[in-house]
C-alpha atoms as a PDB file:
ATOM      1  CA  MET A   1      52.904 105.772 -38.891  1.00  0.00           C
ATOM      2  CA  LYS A   2      48.956 104.851 -39.066  1.00  0.00           C
ATOM      3  CA  ARG A   3      49.110 105.930 -42.781  1.00  0.00           C
ATOM      4  CA  LEU A   4      51.624 103.507 -43.580  1.00  0.00           C
ATOM      5  CA  LEU A   5      49.850 100.716 -41.507  1.00  0.00           C
ATOM      6  CA  LEU A   6      46.733 101.357 -43.739  1.00  0.00           C
ATOM      7  CA  PHE A   7      48.765 101.658 -46.972  1.00  0.00           C
ATOM      8  CA  ILE A   8      49.950  98.114 -45.866  1.00  0.00           C
ATOM      9  CA  GLY A   9      46.614  97.074 -45.128  1.00  0.00           C
ATOM     10  CA  LEU A  10      45.154  98.000 -48.251  1.00  0.00           C
ATOM     11  CA  LEU A  11      47.943  96.051 -50.244  1.00  0.00           C
ATOM     12  CA  ILE A  12      47.668  93.247 -48.946  1.00  0.00           C
ATOM     13  CA  VAL A  13      43.516  93.836 -49.449  1.00  0.00           C
ATOM     14  CA  VAL A  14      43.661  94.597 -52.757  1.00  0.00           C
ATOM     15  CA  PHE A  15      46.614  91.757 -53.554  1.00  0.00           C
ATOM     16  CA  SER A  16      44.401  89.048 -52.219  1.00  0.00           C
ATOM     17  CA  LEU A  17      41.833  90.138 -54.325  1.00  0.00           C
ATOM     18  CA  HIS A  18      43.311  90.014 -57.438  1.00  0.00           C
ATOM     19  CA  GLY A  19      44.755  86.514 -56.341  1.00  0.00           C
ATOM     20  CA  ASN A  20      41.112  85.335 -55.668  1.00  0.00           C
ATOM     21  CA  GLU A  21      39.951  86.768 -59.443  1.00  0.00           C
ATOM     22  CA  GLU A  22      42.903  84.676 -60.623  1.00  0.00           C
ATOM     23  CA  MET A  23      41.683  81.549 -58.384  1.00  0.00           C
ATOM     24  CA  SER A  24      38.436  81.859 -59.449  1.00  0.00           C
ATOM     25  CA  GLN A  25      38.883  81.950 -63.400  1.00  0.00           C
ATOM     26  CA  GLN A  26      41.138  78.757 -63.128  1.00  0.00           C
ATOM     27  CA  THR A  27      39.345  76.853 -60.659  1.00  0.00           C
ATOM     28  CA  LYS A  28      36.062  77.486 -62.842  1.00  0.00           C
ATOM     29  CA  ILE A  29      37.974  75.898 -66.104  1.00  0.00           C
ATOM     30  CA  ILE A  30      39.226  72.665 -63.915  1.00  0.00           C
ATOM     31  CA  SER A  31      35.609  72.692 -62.263  1.00  0.00           C
ATOM     32  CA  ALA A  32      33.744  72.667 -65.789  1.00  0.00           C
ATOM     33  CA  TYR A  33      36.076  69.860 -67.370  1.00  0.00           C
ATOM     34  CA  SER A  34      35.628  67.757 -64.153  1.00  0.00           C
ATOM     35  CA  ALA A  35      31.626  68.539 -64.149  1.00  0.00           C
ATOM     36  CA  ALA A  36      31.919  67.242 -67.743  1.00  0.00           C
ATOM     37  CA  TRP A  37      34.002  64.305 -66.929  1.00  0.00           C
ATOM     38  CA  ASN A  38      31.021  63.162 -64.224  1.00  0.00           C
ATOM     39  CA  ALA A  39      28.950  63.747 -66.653  1.00  0.00           C
ATOM     40  CA  LYS A  40      30.290  61.913 -69.219  1.00  0.00           C
ATOM     41  CA  LYS A  41      30.026  64.382 -72.008  1.00  0.00           C
ATOM     42  CA  LEU A  42      33.378  64.698 -74.136  1.00  0.00           C
ATOM     43  CA  ASP A  43      32.582  67.294 -76.339  1.00  0.00           C
ATOM     44  CA  GLU A  44      32.687  69.491 -73.345  1.00  0.00           C
ATOM     45  CA  MET A  45      35.867  68.343 -72.005  1.00  0.00           C
ATOM     46  CA  ALA A  46      37.290  68.989 -75.474  1.00  0.00           C
ATOM     47  CA  ALA A  47      36.131  72.363 -75.615  1.00  0.00           C
ATOM     48  CA  LEU A  48      38.197  73.248 -72.622  1.00  0.00           C
ATOM     49  CA  MET A  49      41.359  71.522 -73.796  1.00  0.00           C
ATOM     50  CA  HIS A  50      44.675  72.984 -75.036  1.00  0.00           C
ATOM     51  CA  PRO A  51      45.471  71.242 -78.210  1.00  0.00           C
ATOM     52  CA  GLU A  52      48.963  69.996 -76.717  1.00  0.00           C
ATOM     53  CA  ILE A  53      47.440  68.533 -73.806  1.00  0.00           C
ATOM     54  CA  GLU A  54      49.304  65.321 -72.299  1.00  0.00           C
ATOM     55  CA  TRP A  55      47.921  62.927 -70.424  1.00  0.00           C
ATOM     56  CA  LEU A  56      49.789  61.494 -67.820  1.00  0.00           C
ATOM     57  CA  SER A  57      49.959  58.610 -65.511  1.00  0.00           C
ATOM     58  CA  VAL A  58      52.055  58.394 -62.233  1.00  0.00           C
ATOM     59  CA  VAL A  59      52.665  54.746 -60.843  1.00  0.00           C
ATOM     60  CA  GLY A  60      54.944  55.187 -57.712  1.00  0.00           C
ATOM     61  CA  SER A  61      57.835  57.666 -58.531  1.00  0.00           C
ATOM     62  CA  ALA A  62      57.210  56.974 -62.356  1.00  0.00           C
ATOM     63  CA  VAL A  63      55.515  59.288 -64.433  1.00  0.00           C
ATOM     64  CA  LYS A  64      54.130  58.001 -68.097  1.00  0.00           C
ATOM     65  CA  VAL A  65      53.046  60.023 -71.324  1.00  0.00           C
ATOM     66  CA  GLU A  66      49.723  58.077 -72.238  1.00  0.00           C
ATOM     67  CA  THR A  67      48.357  60.616 -74.945  1.00  0.00           C
ATOM     68  CA  LYS A  68      49.518  63.702 -76.348  1.00  0.00           C
ATOM     69  CA  GLY A  69      47.348  66.141 -78.028  1.00  0.00           C
ATOM     70  CA  LYS A  70      44.000  66.553 -77.965  1.00  0.00           C
ATOM     71  CA  GLU A  71      42.683  63.792 -80.850  1.00  0.00           C
ATOM     72  CA  GLN A  72      44.830  61.454 -79.236  1.00  0.00           C
ATOM     73  CA  LEU A  73      43.352  62.030 -76.017  1.00  0.00           C
ATOM     74  CA  VAL A  74      39.891  62.627 -76.998  1.00  0.00           C
ATOM     75  CA  ASP A  75      39.688  59.107 -78.766  1.00  0.00           C
ATOM     76  CA  SER A  76      41.569  57.257 -75.642  1.00  0.00           C
ATOM     77  CA  LEU A  77      38.696  58.882 -73.634  1.00  0.00           C
ATOM     78  CA  LYS A  78      36.117  57.287 -75.902  1.00  0.00           C
ATOM     79  CA  ALA A  79      36.566  54.136 -74.645  1.00  0.00           C
ATOM     80  CA  TRP A  80      36.511  55.177 -71.124  1.00  0.00           C
ATOM     81  CA  PHE A  81      33.347  56.569 -71.736  1.00  0.00           C
ATOM     82  CA  GLU A  82      31.194  53.592 -72.692  1.00  0.00           C
ATOM     83  CA  SER A  83      32.275  51.602 -69.612  1.00  0.00           C
ATOM     84  CA  PRO A  84      29.063  51.916 -66.956  1.00  0.00           C
ATOM     85  CA  SER A  85      31.216  51.925 -63.825  1.00  0.00           C
ATOM     86  CA  LEU A  86      33.166  54.973 -65.225  1.00  0.00           C
ATOM     87  CA  PRO A  87      34.441  56.690 -61.740  1.00  0.00           C
ATOM     88  CA  THR A  88      33.403  60.258 -60.859  1.00  0.00           C
ATOM     89  CA  GLY A  89      35.572  62.840 -59.573  1.00  0.00           C
ATOM     90  CA  SER A  90      35.049  65.385 -56.524  1.00  0.00           C
ATOM     91  CA  LEU A  91      37.875  68.061 -56.418  1.00  0.00           C
ATOM     92  CA  ARG A  92      39.282  69.811 -53.243  1.00  0.00           C
ATOM     93  CA  ASP A  93      42.611  71.631 -51.614  1.00  0.00           C
ATOM     94  CA  TRP A  94      43.527  74.185 -54.345  1.00  0.00           C
ATOM     95  CA  SER A  95      46.841  75.718 -54.709  1.00  0.00           C
ATOM     96  CA  ILE A  96      47.698  77.963 -57.408  1.00  0.00           C
ATOM     97  CA  ASN A  97      51.661  78.973 -58.153  1.00  0.00           C
ATOM     98  CA  GLY A  98      51.824  81.180 -61.440  1.00  0.00           C
ATOM     99  CA  ASN A  99      51.045  78.890 -64.082  1.00  0.00           C
ATOM    100  CA  PHE A 100      50.582  75.765 -62.411  1.00  0.00           C
ATOM    101  CA  VAL A 101      47.572  74.449 -60.432  1.00  0.00           C
ATOM    102  CA  ALA A 102      47.321  71.676 -58.085  1.00  0.00           C
ATOM    103  CA  VAL A 103      44.483  69.883 -56.681  1.00  0.00           C
ATOM    104  CA  THR A 104      43.546  66.853 -55.097  1.00  0.00           C
ATOM    105  CA  GLU A 105      40.900  64.852 -56.836  1.00  0.00           C
ATOM    106  CA  THR A 106      38.897  61.864 -55.122  1.00  0.00           C
ATOM    107  CA  ALA A 107      38.089  59.248 -57.570  1.00  0.00           C
ATOM    108  CA  SER A 108      34.737  57.249 -56.435  1.00  0.00           C
ATOM    109  CA  TRP A 109      33.267  54.201 -57.993  1.00  0.00           C
ATOM    110  CA  LEU A 110      30.800  51.440 -56.902  1.00  0.00           C
ATOM    111  CA  ASP A 111      32.686  47.822 -56.578  1.00  0.00           C
ATOM    112  CA  ASP A 112      31.166  44.783 -57.476  1.00  0.00           C
ATOM    113  CA  ALA A 113      28.914  44.257 -54.381  1.00  0.00           C
ATOM    114  CA  LYS A 114      27.707  47.873 -55.428  1.00  0.00           C
ATOM    115  CA  GLN A 115      29.652  49.488 -52.767  1.00  0.00           C
ATOM    116  CA  THR A 116      30.848  52.841 -52.671  1.00  0.00           C
ATOM    117  CA  GLN A 117      34.804  53.223 -52.928  1.00  0.00           C
ATOM    118  CA  SER A 118      36.935  56.255 -53.308  1.00  0.00           C
ATOM    119  CA  GLN A 119      40.804  56.912 -53.715  1.00  0.00           C
ATOM    120  CA  SER A 120      42.878  60.401 -53.620  1.00  0.00           C
END
């Protein structure tokens, strides 16, 4: 019985470590993308984009495709990056399920009165 419990314990540790490696690789890519956004480095963001990337917006329960493909997204973001009030983002609450990654982003910006505002 002790051997069975030890074996199950080792399996849990091995699978936990494997999951952390996967999480680490995926979080590194997403974190690098977010850091490039915050630094307004569109070339670094583009290097991390899949050629068939889609930019989606969500309003209420409706999802709209804003851009399709890397080139269209990069062209669209150029105007955003020229804005002096571009919001920055921070990431939290990571969740990975197979090929899907969910993360909560909190956007922060300065309002007209130079007060920091944020929204998740």
